Amino acid sequence: MQIDSNTAAVVTGGASGLGKASAQALGDAGVKVAIFDLNEEAGEAMAKSIGGIFCKVDVTDEDSVIAGFEKVRAAHGQERICVHCAMTSKGGKKTVGRNRETGEFMRFPTEDYAYSINGILVASYRVASLSALGMASLEPNEDGERGVITLTASVAAQDAQMGQVGYGSGKAGVNGLVLPMARDMMDLGIRVNSIMPGIFATPPMQAAPPKVLQGLSASVPFPKRLGNPPEFASFVMELVRNTYFNGQAIRLDGGIRMPPR
């Protein structure tokens, strides 16, 4: 896809981490960027820095997402680019494990699992399908393309660790959306892909103790460091620009394969 100052984009989770880096890269390319996030202060500041617009949006709430799209389309026009990075989940517990205090066996609660699936998988479908519904109204470009949607999965989609049953299966579900959605919308010229990032230096990860960060960095085959958010954003831009990328779920991880724990 050729992009210019007339191109509009929506980035969910654009106030921090991978979403922020993606919004920055799109803004640097001259794209009109709208940020969907719950963090108003950080979101407004980021939008201002790239000449974009901020919408307080909860991706787990249908009405909130619809209202966000309506607001940004009124300001920027229909987006041709959608990058979905926002998510929420619960984890840290095994499917079945022993309580350290009582010694009794406990199960990861169904409601916590459902929360994770809603915050990862259902939210991804919601954002992608609502964006695609709007893209369908656009005139196709010279390649017959109307839009491109990039979802954020995780290496946990393929090798989730202990305590990641909700997160891992939710992210695997995101990858499972990609091909059928791409096929559903092939006659519309709307492409769908997902990126599976490995261990990236996002704010939550950087809050870990230095010893933990050193161990994680050493576990990456090459380069032996955490991924930098701009590297994720660079790949987002390639998926936008390269029209032949479609229906793909691709790892971006320095060659890491996560151990069981």
Protein backbone atom coordinates (compact mmCIF):
# COMPACT_ATOMS: atom_id res chain seq x y z
CA MET A 1 0.00 0.00 0.00
CA GLN A 2 1.22 3.44 -0.89
CA ILE A 3 0.85 5.76 2.07
CA ASP A 4 0.81 9.56 2.26
CA SER A 5 -0.73 12.43 4.19
CA ASN A 6 -4.19 11.42 2.98
CA THR A 7 -3.90 7.95 4.53
CA ALA A 8 -5.58 7.37 7.89
CA ALA A 9 -4.68 4.75 10.49
CA VAL A 10 -6.00 3.50 13.82
CA VAL A 11 -3.59 2.04 16.39
CA THR A 12 -5.03 0.43 19.50
CA GLY A 13 -2.81 0.49 22.57
CA GLY A 14 -0.99 3.40 20.97
CA ALA A 15 -0.16 5.18 24.23
CA SER A 16 2.72 2.86 25.16
CA GLY A 17 4.95 -0.02 24.14
CA LEU A 18 4.51 -1.69 20.76
CA GLY A 19 1.44 0.37 19.90
CA LYS A 20 3.21 3.64 20.65
CA ALA A 21 6.15 2.68 18.46
CA SER A 22 3.75 1.73 15.66
CA ALA A 23 1.88 5.02 15.95
CA GLN A 24 5.20 6.88 15.86
CA ALA A 25 6.36 5.08 12.72
CA LEU A 26 3.09 5.74 10.93
CA GLY A 27 3.09 9.36 12.02
CA ASP A 28 6.69 9.78 10.83
CA ALA A 29 5.54 8.47 7.42
CA GLY A 30 2.95 11.24 7.22
CA VAL A 31 -0.08 9.09 8.02
CA LYS A 32 -2.99 10.59 9.97
CA VAL A 33 -2.93 8.45 13.12
CA ALA A 34 -5.69 7.87 15.66
CA ILE A 35 -4.77 6.28 18.98
CA PHE A 36 -7.22 4.08 20.89
CA ASP A 37 -6.20 3.61 24.52
CA LEU A 38 -7.49 3.85 28.09
CA ASN A 39 -4.58 5.98 29.30
CA GLU A 40 -5.82 9.48 28.53
CA GLU A 41 -2.75 11.42 29.63
CA ALA A 42 -0.23 9.29 27.76
CA GLY A 43 -2.55 8.86 24.79
CA GLU A 44 -3.22 12.57 24.39
CA ALA A 45 0.48 13.36 24.68
CA MET A 46 1.42 10.76 22.07
CA ALA A 47 -1.29 11.89 19.66
CA LYS A 48 -0.20 15.51 20.01
CA SER A 49 3.44 14.62 19.35
CA ILE A 50 2.60 13.04 15.97
CA GLY A 51 -0.22 15.39 14.98
CA GLY A 52 -2.84 12.71 15.49
CA ILE A 53 -6.00 12.25 17.53
CA PHE A 54 -6.69 10.32 20.73
CA CYS A 55 -9.83 8.40 21.66
CA LYS A 56 -10.38 6.81 25.04
CA VAL A 57 -11.45 3.33 23.98
CA ASP A 58 -11.94 0.07 25.85
CA VAL A 59 -11.36 -2.68 23.29
CA THR A 60 -13.38 -5.12 25.42
CA ASP A 61 -16.50 -2.96 25.04
CA GLU A 62 -18.36 -2.98 21.70
CA ASP A 63 -20.00 0.43 22.12
CA SER A 64 -16.69 2.01 23.13
CA VAL A 65 -14.91 0.70 20.03
CA ILE A 66 -17.75 1.75 17.71
CA ALA A 67 -17.76 5.24 19.22
CA GLY A 68 -14.00 5.47 18.77
CA PHE A 69 -14.17 4.59 15.09
CA GLU A 70 -16.99 7.09 14.56
CA LYS A 71 -14.98 9.87 16.19
CA VAL A 72 -11.77 9.31 14.26
CA ARG A 73 -13.49 8.78 10.92
CA ALA A 74 -15.28 12.10 11.35
CA ALA A 75 -11.89 13.75 11.91
CA HIS A 76 -9.56 11.80 9.58
CA GLY A 77 -11.82 9.95 7.19
CA GLN A 78 -12.03 6.18 6.86
CA GLU A 79 -8.83 4.41 7.95
CA ARG A 80 -7.00 2.16 5.51
CA ILE A 81 -4.61 0.90 8.20
CA CYS A 82 -5.52 -0.75 11.50
CA VAL A 83 -2.88 -1.93 13.94
CA HIS A 84 -4.28 -3.71 16.98
CA CYS A 85 -1.94 -3.94 19.98
CA ALA A 86 -4.27 -3.40 22.97
CA MET A 87 -5.21 -6.38 25.16
CA THR A 88 -5.96 -7.48 28.69
CA SER A 89 -5.68 -10.88 30.38
CA LYS A 90 -5.27 -12.72 33.66
CA GLY A 91 -2.69 -15.41 34.27
CA GLY A 92 0.13 -16.63 36.44
CA LYS A 93 -1.70 -19.76 37.57
CA LYS A 94 -1.57 -23.29 36.22
CA THR A 95 -4.65 -24.92 34.81
CA VAL A 96 -4.54 -27.14 37.91
CA GLY A 97 -1.94 -26.63 40.60
CA ARG A 98 -1.36 -26.89 44.32
CA ASN A 99 -2.02 -23.93 46.61
CA ARG A 100 1.29 -23.14 48.33
CA GLU A 101 -0.39 -22.17 51.59
CA THR A 102 -3.02 -24.89 51.97
CA GLY A 103 -1.55 -27.65 49.83
CA GLU A 104 -4.93 -28.14 48.14
CA PHE A 105 -5.28 -28.46 44.40
CA MET A 106 -6.83 -25.45 42.69
CA ARG A 107 -8.01 -24.72 39.16
CA PHE A 108 -7.51 -21.60 37.05
CA PRO A 109 -11.04 -20.11 37.29
CA THR A 110 -13.21 -20.25 34.22
CA GLU A 111 -14.13 -16.59 34.67
CA ASP A 112 -10.45 -15.61 34.59
CA TYR A 113 -9.93 -17.69 31.48
CA ALA A 114 -12.97 -16.08 29.84
CA TYR A 115 -11.63 -12.65 30.81
CA SER A 116 -8.38 -13.39 28.99
CA ILE A 117 -10.10 -14.71 25.88
CA ASN A 118 -12.38 -11.67 25.79
CA GLY A 119 -9.47 -9.27 26.28
CA ILE A 120 -7.28 -10.91 23.64
CA LEU A 121 -9.21 -12.91 21.06
CA VAL A 122 -12.69 -11.39 21.11
CA ALA A 123 -11.23 -7.88 21.26
CA SER A 124 -9.04 -8.65 18.23
CA TYR A 125 -12.04 -9.84 16.24
CA ARG A 126 -14.07 -6.82 17.36
CA VAL A 127 -11.48 -4.25 16.32
CA ALA A 128 -10.53 -6.00 13.07
CA SER A 129 -14.08 -6.67 11.88
CA LEU A 130 -15.33 -3.17 12.70
CA SER A 131 -12.35 -1.62 10.94
CA ALA A 132 -12.86 -3.88 7.92
CA LEU A 133 -16.55 -2.96 7.77
CA GLY A 134 -15.52 0.65 7.31
CA MET A 135 -12.72 -0.17 4.87
CA ALA A 136 -15.20 -2.00 2.64
CA SER A 137 -16.77 1.38 1.75
CA LEU A 138 -13.52 2.74 0.30
CA GLU A 139 -12.58 2.84 -3.34
CA PRO A 140 -9.77 0.35 -4.02
CA ASN A 141 -6.33 1.66 -4.90
CA GLU A 142 -4.34 0.74 -8.01
CA ASP A 143 -3.64 -2.73 -6.55
CA GLY A 144 -7.32 -3.30 -5.79
CA GLU A 145 -6.53 -2.81 -2.10
CA ARG A 146 -8.86 -1.16 0.38
CA GLY A 147 -7.03 -1.72 3.64
CA VAL A 148 -4.64 -3.68 5.80
CA ILE A 149 -5.14 -4.99 9.33
CA THR A 150 -2.27 -6.08 11.56
CA LEU A 151 -3.04 -8.01 14.75
CA THR A 152 -0.65 -8.63 17.61
CA ALA A 153 -0.27 -12.23 18.72
CA SER A 154 2.77 -13.50 20.66
CA VAL A 155 5.34 -16.27 20.59
CA ALA A 156 3.18 -17.64 23.40
CA ALA A 157 0.70 -18.55 20.67
CA GLN A 158 3.10 -21.38 19.78
CA ASP A 159 5.10 -22.06 22.94
CA ALA A 160 3.22 -20.65 25.92
CA GLN A 161 4.77 -21.25 29.32
CA MET A 162 3.30 -22.57 32.55
CA GLY A 163 0.67 -20.22 33.90
CA GLN A 164 -0.16 -18.86 30.43
CA VAL A 165 -3.14 -21.02 29.51
CA GLY A 166 -5.43 -18.02 29.00
CA TYR A 167 -2.82 -15.80 27.39
CA GLY A 168 -1.33 -18.52 25.20
CA SER A 169 -4.60 -19.88 23.86
CA GLY A 170 -5.93 -16.35 23.36
CA LYS A 171 -2.92 -15.39 21.28
CA ALA A 172 -3.13 -18.69 19.37
CA GLY A 173 -6.72 -17.74 18.61
CA VAL A 174 -5.52 -14.40 17.20
CA ASN A 175 -3.36 -16.31 14.73
CA GLY A 176 -6.37 -18.47 13.98
CA LEU A 177 -8.32 -15.39 12.93
CA VAL A 178 -5.83 -14.36 10.29
CA LEU A 179 -6.29 -16.77 7.40
CA PRO A 180 -10.10 -17.09 7.47
CA MET A 181 -10.47 -13.32 7.80
CA ALA A 182 -8.04 -12.75 4.94
CA ARG A 183 -10.01 -15.23 2.83
CA ASP A 184 -13.34 -13.72 3.83
CA MET A 185 -12.16 -10.32 2.62
CA MET A 186 -10.04 -11.25 -0.38
CA ASP A 187 -12.68 -9.96 -2.81
CA LEU A 188 -12.70 -6.66 -0.92
CA GLY A 189 -8.94 -6.20 -1.09
CA ILE A 190 -8.48 -6.11 2.68
CA ARG A 191 -5.36 -7.86 3.95
CA VAL A 192 -4.97 -9.39 7.43
CA ASN A 193 -1.74 -10.47 9.14
CA SER A 194 -0.46 -11.00 12.67
CA ILE A 195 2.91 -10.49 14.32
CA MET A 196 4.13 -12.77 17.11
CA PRO A 197 6.61 -10.67 19.12
CA GLY A 198 9.04 -12.35 21.47
CA ILE A 199 10.43 -10.61 24.55
CA PHE A 200 10.29 -6.87 23.88
CA ALA A 201 11.44 -3.96 26.02
CA THR A 202 7.97 -2.62 26.77
CA PRO A 203 7.23 -0.73 30.02
CA PRO A 204 5.86 -3.80 31.90
CA MET A 205 8.89 -5.88 30.91
CA GLN A 206 11.36 -3.13 31.80
CA ALA A 207 9.86 -3.01 35.29
CA ALA A 208 11.31 -6.47 35.99
CA PRO A 209 14.43 -6.73 38.21
CA PRO A 210 17.77 -6.29 36.35
CA LYS A 211 18.76 -9.91 37.04
CA VAL A 212 15.57 -11.14 35.38
CA LEU A 213 16.12 -8.88 32.35
CA GLN A 214 19.70 -10.13 32.03
CA GLY A 215 18.51 -13.73 32.06
CA LEU A 216 15.84 -13.03 29.47
CA SER A 217 18.31 -11.26 27.21
CA ALA A 218 20.74 -14.17 27.46
CA SER A 219 17.99 -16.60 26.44
CA VAL A 220 17.60 -14.96 23.02
CA PRO A 221 19.77 -16.77 20.41
CA PHE A 222 20.67 -13.59 18.52
CA PRO A 223 20.82 -10.74 19.13
CA LYS A 224 21.16 -11.39 22.87
CA ARG A 225 18.89 -8.62 24.05
CA LEU A 226 15.24 -7.75 24.31
CA GLY A 227 13.49 -6.57 21.18
CA ASN A 228 13.12 -2.83 20.73
CA PRO A 229 9.58 -1.52 20.05
CA PRO A 230 10.79 0.35 16.92
CA GLU A 231 11.78 -3.05 15.48
CA PHE A 232 8.17 -4.18 15.89
CA ALA A 233 7.00 -0.93 14.30
CA SER A 234 9.39 -1.43 11.38
CA PHE A 235 7.72 -4.76 10.66
CA VAL A 236 4.28 -3.17 10.94
CA MET A 237 5.34 -0.71 8.24
CA GLU A 238 6.58 -3.53 6.00
CA LEU A 239 3.26 -5.33 6.34
CA VAL A 240 1.49 -2.09 5.40
CA ARG A 241 3.66 -1.32 2.39
CA ASN A 242 4.13 -4.83 0.98
CA THR A 243 0.82 -5.73 -0.66
CA TYR A 244 1.84 -9.37 -1.12
CA PHE A 245 1.90 -9.97 2.64
CA ASN A 246 -1.49 -11.48 3.41
CA GLY A 247 -2.85 -14.23 5.65
CA GLN A 248 0.43 -14.56 7.55
CA ALA A 249 1.27 -15.07 11.24
CA ILE A 250 4.96 -14.29 11.66
CA ARG A 251 7.36 -14.52 14.61
CA LEU A 252 9.59 -11.56 15.46
CA ASP A 253 11.67 -12.94 18.28
CA GLY A 254 15.44 -13.19 17.71
CA GLY A 255 15.03 -16.95 17.25
CA ILE A 256 13.85 -17.63 20.82
CA ARG A 257 11.76 -20.68 21.72
CA MET A 258 10.24 -20.39 25.15
CA PRO A 259 10.92 -23.18 27.68
CA PRO A 260 8.09 -24.66 29.78
CA ARG A 261 8.80 -22.20 32.61
